[in-house]
């Protein structure tokens, strides 16, 4: 779903992103996706989601990561890309109250 956020920003939308649950992995730069094989067919061009998230940050989109979700997955804050905002799970209602709409995937 990161691609649609790029398109929305390009169209002038002013939005933020909260990465929670397994999506906090998107914020880890040092990750790789091995090729996917279906029989003899090899898919070598995996999505580079961390790079796409970093590009959102570079475009001025506030990308927030739920701190407790990092800990639950054994991810240290030092592994995250620059420019992210860490938020506590309990702060999410206040964060969401700052937006006109909240979409959840």
N, C-alpha and C. Protein backbone atom coordinates (compact mmCIF):
# COMPACT_ATOMS: atom_id res chain seq x y z
N UNK A 1 0.80 -1.20 0.00
CA UNK A 1 0.00 0.00 0.00
C UNK A 1 0.85 1.27 0.00
N UNK A 2 2.15 1.11 0.12
CA UNK A 2 3.03 2.28 0.15
C UNK A 2 2.93 3.06 -1.16
N UNK A 3 2.73 2.36 -2.26
CA UNK A 3 2.69 3.03 -3.57
C UNK A 3 1.55 4.05 -3.63
N UNK A 4 0.40 3.73 -3.04
CA UNK A 4 -0.73 4.66 -3.11
C UNK A 4 -0.45 5.91 -2.29
N UNK A 5 0.33 5.78 -1.23
CA UNK A 5 0.71 6.95 -0.43
C UNK A 5 1.60 7.89 -1.24
N UNK A 6 2.48 7.32 -2.06
CA UNK A 6 3.30 8.14 -2.96
C UNK A 6 2.41 8.88 -3.95
N UNK A 7 1.45 8.17 -4.52
CA UNK A 7 0.56 8.79 -5.49
C UNK A 7 -0.26 9.90 -4.85
N UNK A 8 -0.74 9.67 -3.65
CA UNK A 8 -1.53 10.68 -2.95
C UNK A 8 -0.69 11.92 -2.64
N UNK A 9 0.54 11.71 -2.21
CA UNK A 9 1.43 12.84 -1.92
C UNK A 9 1.70 13.61 -3.20
N UNK A 10 1.92 12.90 -4.30
CA UNK A 10 2.15 13.55 -5.59
C UNK A 10 0.96 14.36 -6.05
N UNK A 11 -0.24 13.97 -5.62
CA UNK A 11 -1.46 14.70 -5.99
C UNK A 11 -1.76 15.84 -5.02
N UNK A 12 -0.87 16.03 -4.04
CA UNK A 12 -1.02 17.15 -3.12
C UNK A 12 -1.62 16.82 -1.77
N UNK A 13 -1.84 15.56 -1.48
CA UNK A 13 -2.42 15.18 -0.19
C UNK A 13 -1.44 15.46 0.95
N UNK A 14 -1.98 15.84 2.07
CA UNK A 14 -1.19 16.05 3.28
C UNK A 14 -1.59 14.97 4.26
N UNK A 15 -0.75 13.96 4.42
CA UNK A 15 -1.11 12.84 5.26
C UNK A 15 0.08 12.33 6.05
N UNK A 16 -0.21 11.49 7.02
CA UNK A 16 0.81 10.82 7.80
C UNK A 16 0.59 9.32 7.70
N UNK A 17 1.57 8.57 8.17
CA UNK A 17 1.50 7.12 8.11
C UNK A 17 1.90 6.57 9.47
N UNK A 18 1.14 5.59 9.96
CA UNK A 18 1.51 4.89 11.19
C UNK A 18 1.81 3.44 10.81
N UNK A 19 3.02 3.01 11.11
CA UNK A 19 3.39 1.61 10.89
C UNK A 19 3.23 0.89 12.22
N UNK A 20 2.38 -0.14 12.23
CA UNK A 20 2.16 -0.91 13.45
C UNK A 20 2.12 -2.39 13.08
N UNK A 21 2.12 -3.23 14.10
CA UNK A 21 2.12 -4.66 13.84
C UNK A 21 3.33 -5.06 13.01
N UNK A 22 3.13 -6.01 12.11
CA UNK A 22 4.24 -6.47 11.27
C UNK A 22 4.77 -5.40 10.33
N UNK A 23 3.98 -4.36 10.08
CA UNK A 23 4.41 -3.29 9.17
C UNK A 23 5.59 -2.49 9.72
N UNK A 24 5.90 -2.62 11.02
CA UNK A 24 7.07 -1.90 11.54
C UNK A 24 8.35 -2.39 10.86
N UNK A 25 8.33 -3.58 10.31
CA UNK A 25 9.49 -4.09 9.57
C UNK A 25 9.81 -3.23 8.35
N UNK A 26 8.82 -2.52 7.82
CA UNK A 26 9.04 -1.66 6.66
C UNK A 26 10.05 -0.56 6.97
N UNK A 27 10.21 -0.22 8.24
CA UNK A 27 11.09 0.88 8.64
C UNK A 27 12.53 0.45 8.86
N UNK A 28 12.83 -0.83 8.69
CA UNK A 28 14.18 -1.34 8.88
C UNK A 28 14.90 -1.32 7.53
N UNK A 29 15.96 -0.52 7.44
CA UNK A 29 16.66 -0.37 6.16
C UNK A 29 17.45 -1.61 5.76
N UNK A 30 18.12 -2.23 6.71
CA UNK A 30 19.02 -3.35 6.39
C UNK A 30 18.24 -4.65 6.32
N UNK A 31 17.44 -4.77 5.30
CA UNK A 31 16.70 -6.00 5.10
C UNK A 31 16.76 -6.38 3.63
N UNK A 32 16.67 -7.63 3.38
CA UNK A 32 16.68 -8.09 2.00
C UNK A 32 15.55 -9.08 1.79
N UNK A 33 15.14 -9.19 0.57
CA UNK A 33 14.10 -10.14 0.22
C UNK A 33 14.72 -11.11 -0.78
N UNK A 34 14.85 -12.37 -0.41
CA UNK A 34 15.44 -13.32 -1.34
C UNK A 34 14.51 -13.57 -2.52
N UNK A 35 15.07 -14.04 -3.63
CA UNK A 35 14.23 -14.34 -4.80
C UNK A 35 13.15 -15.36 -4.44
N UNK A 36 12.01 -15.23 -5.07
CA UNK A 36 10.88 -16.12 -4.86
C UNK A 36 10.81 -17.08 -6.05
N UNK A 37 10.70 -18.36 -5.77
CA UNK A 37 10.68 -19.35 -6.84
C UNK A 37 9.34 -20.08 -6.90
N UNK A 38 8.82 -20.22 -8.12
CA UNK A 38 7.65 -21.03 -8.40
C UNK A 38 8.08 -22.06 -9.43
N UNK A 39 8.43 -23.25 -8.98
CA UNK A 39 8.96 -24.25 -9.89
C UNK A 39 10.27 -23.76 -10.48
N UNK A 40 10.34 -23.66 -11.82
CA UNK A 40 11.55 -23.18 -12.48
C UNK A 40 11.58 -21.66 -12.63
N UNK A 41 10.49 -21.01 -12.32
CA UNK A 41 10.40 -19.55 -12.49
C UNK A 41 10.91 -18.85 -11.23
N UNK A 42 11.80 -17.88 -11.43
CA UNK A 42 12.37 -17.12 -10.31
C UNK A 42 11.96 -15.66 -10.45
N UNK A 43 11.36 -15.13 -9.41
CA UNK A 43 11.01 -13.71 -9.36
C UNK A 43 12.12 -13.00 -8.60
N UNK A 44 12.96 -12.27 -9.34
CA UNK A 44 14.14 -11.64 -8.74
C UNK A 44 13.92 -10.20 -8.33
N UNK A 45 12.83 -9.61 -8.72
CA UNK A 45 12.62 -8.18 -8.47
C UNK A 45 11.59 -7.98 -7.37
N UNK A 46 12.03 -8.23 -6.16
CA UNK A 46 11.14 -8.07 -5.00
C UNK A 46 10.93 -6.59 -4.70
N UNK A 47 9.83 -6.26 -4.08
CA UNK A 47 9.61 -4.85 -3.72
C UNK A 47 10.64 -4.40 -2.68
N UNK A 48 11.02 -3.16 -2.79
CA UNK A 48 11.97 -2.57 -1.83
C UNK A 48 11.19 -1.62 -0.94
N UNK A 49 10.43 -2.20 -0.05
CA UNK A 49 9.48 -1.42 0.75
C UNK A 49 10.19 -0.41 1.64
N UNK A 50 11.31 -0.80 2.25
CA UNK A 50 12.03 0.14 3.12
C UNK A 50 12.47 1.37 2.34
N UNK A 51 12.92 1.17 1.11
CA UNK A 51 13.32 2.31 0.28
C UNK A 51 12.11 3.18 -0.07
N UNK A 52 10.97 2.56 -0.29
CA UNK A 52 9.75 3.32 -0.59
C UNK A 52 9.31 4.14 0.62
N UNK A 53 9.43 3.58 1.81
CA UNK A 53 9.09 4.32 3.03
C UNK A 53 10.06 5.47 3.23
N UNK A 54 11.36 5.23 3.01
CA UNK A 54 12.35 6.30 3.13
C UNK A 54 12.06 7.43 2.15
N UNK A 55 11.58 7.09 0.98
CA UNK A 55 11.22 8.09 -0.02
C UNK A 55 10.03 8.92 0.45
N UNK A 56 9.07 8.30 1.13
CA UNK A 56 7.95 9.05 1.70
C UNK A 56 8.45 10.07 2.71
N UNK A 57 9.38 9.64 3.56
CA UNK A 57 9.96 10.54 4.56
C UNK A 57 10.65 11.71 3.86
N UNK A 58 11.40 11.41 2.80
CA UNK A 58 12.10 12.46 2.05
C UNK A 58 11.14 13.45 1.41
N UNK A 59 9.92 12.99 1.10
CA UNK A 59 8.91 13.87 0.50
C UNK A 59 8.15 14.69 1.54
N UNK A 60 8.50 14.49 2.81
CA UNK A 60 7.86 15.26 3.87
C UNK A 60 6.67 14.60 4.53
N UNK A 61 6.43 13.34 4.24
CA UNK A 61 5.33 12.61 4.89
C UNK A 61 5.80 12.18 6.28
N UNK A 62 5.01 12.47 7.31
CA UNK A 62 5.37 12.02 8.65
C UNK A 62 5.07 10.53 8.74
N UNK A 63 6.11 9.75 8.99
CA UNK A 63 5.97 8.31 9.14
C UNK A 63 6.24 7.98 10.61
N UNK A 64 5.22 7.44 11.26
CA UNK A 64 5.30 7.09 12.67
C UNK A 64 5.36 5.58 12.82
N UNK A 65 6.10 5.14 13.84
CA UNK A 65 6.26 3.71 14.11
C UNK A 65 5.86 3.47 15.56
N UNK A 66 5.03 2.46 15.79
CA UNK A 66 4.59 2.14 17.14
C UNK A 66 5.71 1.42 17.88
N UNK A 67 6.17 2.06 18.94
CA UNK A 67 7.33 1.57 19.71
C UNK A 67 7.12 0.15 20.24
N UNK A 68 5.96 -0.13 20.80
CA UNK A 68 5.71 -1.45 21.37
C UNK A 68 5.75 -2.56 20.32
N UNK A 69 5.37 -2.24 19.10
CA UNK A 69 5.41 -3.22 18.01
C UNK A 69 6.85 -3.57 17.64
N UNK A 70 7.74 -2.58 17.75
CA UNK A 70 9.16 -2.86 17.52
C UNK A 70 9.67 -3.86 18.54
N UNK A 71 9.40 -3.57 19.82
CA UNK A 71 9.88 -4.44 20.89
C UNK A 71 9.34 -5.85 20.78
N UNK A 72 8.08 -5.98 20.40
CA UNK A 72 7.47 -7.31 20.28
C UNK A 72 8.12 -8.14 19.18
N UNK A 73 8.77 -7.47 18.23
CA UNK A 73 9.41 -8.17 17.12
C UNK A 73 10.93 -8.18 17.23
N UNK A 74 11.44 -7.71 18.36
CA UNK A 74 12.89 -7.73 18.60
C UNK A 74 13.66 -6.75 17.73
N UNK A 75 13.02 -5.68 17.30
CA UNK A 75 13.68 -4.69 16.45
C UNK A 75 14.17 -3.54 17.33
N UNK A 76 15.46 -3.24 17.27
CA UNK A 76 16.04 -2.13 18.01
C UNK A 76 15.83 -0.84 17.23
N UNK A 77 15.69 0.25 17.96
CA UNK A 77 15.50 1.55 17.32
C UNK A 77 16.67 1.92 16.41
N UNK A 78 17.86 1.43 16.73
CA UNK A 78 19.05 1.73 15.93
C UNK A 78 18.97 1.12 14.53
N UNK A 79 18.10 0.14 14.34
CA UNK A 79 17.95 -0.51 13.04
C UNK A 79 17.06 0.28 12.08
N UNK A 80 16.37 1.30 12.61
CA UNK A 80 15.40 2.03 11.81
C UNK A 80 16.05 3.10 10.95
N UNK A 81 15.39 3.44 9.87
CA UNK A 81 15.86 4.52 9.00
C UNK A 81 15.70 5.85 9.73
N UNK A 82 16.37 6.85 9.25
CA UNK A 82 16.28 8.19 9.83
C UNK A 82 14.96 8.84 9.44
N UNK A 83 14.54 9.79 10.27
CA UNK A 83 13.38 10.61 9.93
C UNK A 83 12.04 10.11 10.41
N UNK A 84 12.03 9.00 11.14
CA UNK A 84 10.78 8.44 11.64
C UNK A 84 10.42 9.06 12.99
N UNK A 85 9.14 8.98 13.33
CA UNK A 85 8.67 9.41 14.64
C UNK A 85 8.18 8.18 15.38
N UNK A 86 8.74 7.92 16.56
CA UNK A 86 8.29 6.80 17.37
C UNK A 86 7.13 7.25 18.24
N UNK A 87 6.08 6.45 18.27
CA UNK A 87 4.91 6.77 19.10
C UNK A 87 4.56 5.55 19.95
N UNK A 88 4.00 5.83 21.11
CA UNK A 88 3.54 4.75 21.97
C UNK A 88 2.13 4.34 21.55
N UNK A 89 1.82 3.08 21.76
CA UNK A 89 0.50 2.55 21.41
C UNK A 89 -0.61 3.39 22.04
N UNK A 90 -0.42 3.77 23.29
CA UNK A 90 -1.43 4.54 23.99
C UNK A 90 -1.64 5.94 23.46
N UNK A 91 -0.69 6.44 22.67
CA UNK A 91 -0.80 7.79 22.10
C UNK A 91 -1.54 7.81 20.77
N UNK A 92 -1.86 6.65 20.22
CA UNK A 92 -2.48 6.60 18.89
C UNK A 92 -3.82 7.33 18.81
N UNK A 93 -4.70 7.24 19.81
CA UNK A 93 -5.95 8.01 19.69
C UNK A 93 -5.69 9.50 19.53
N UNK A 94 -4.74 10.04 20.26
CA UNK A 94 -4.42 11.47 20.14
C UNK A 94 -3.84 11.77 18.76
N UNK A 95 -2.96 10.89 18.28
CA UNK A 95 -2.37 11.07 16.95
C UNK A 95 -3.47 11.07 15.89
N UNK A 96 -4.35 10.10 15.95
CA UNK A 96 -5.41 9.97 14.95
C UNK A 96 -6.41 11.11 15.03
N UNK A 97 -6.58 11.67 16.20
CA UNK A 97 -7.48 12.80 16.36
C UNK A 97 -7.00 14.03 15.58
N UNK A 98 -5.74 14.05 15.22
CA UNK A 98 -5.18 15.17 14.47
C UNK A 98 -5.44 15.10 12.97
N UNK A 99 -6.14 14.07 12.52
CA UNK A 99 -6.41 13.89 11.10
C UNK A 99 -7.91 13.90 10.83
N UNK A 100 -8.30 14.37 9.66
CA UNK A 100 -9.71 14.37 9.26
C UNK A 100 -10.22 12.96 8.97
N UNK A 101 -9.33 12.12 8.41
CA UNK A 101 -9.69 10.75 8.05
C UNK A 101 -8.60 9.82 8.53
N UNK A 102 -8.99 8.60 8.87
CA UNK A 102 -8.03 7.55 9.23
C UNK A 102 -8.37 6.33 8.40
N UNK A 103 -7.40 5.87 7.62
CA UNK A 103 -7.57 4.65 6.84
C UNK A 103 -6.73 3.57 7.50
N UNK A 104 -7.25 2.36 7.55
CA UNK A 104 -6.52 1.26 8.17
C UNK A 104 -6.48 0.08 7.21
N UNK A 105 -5.26 -0.41 6.97
CA UNK A 105 -5.09 -1.60 6.12
C UNK A 105 -4.59 -2.72 6.97
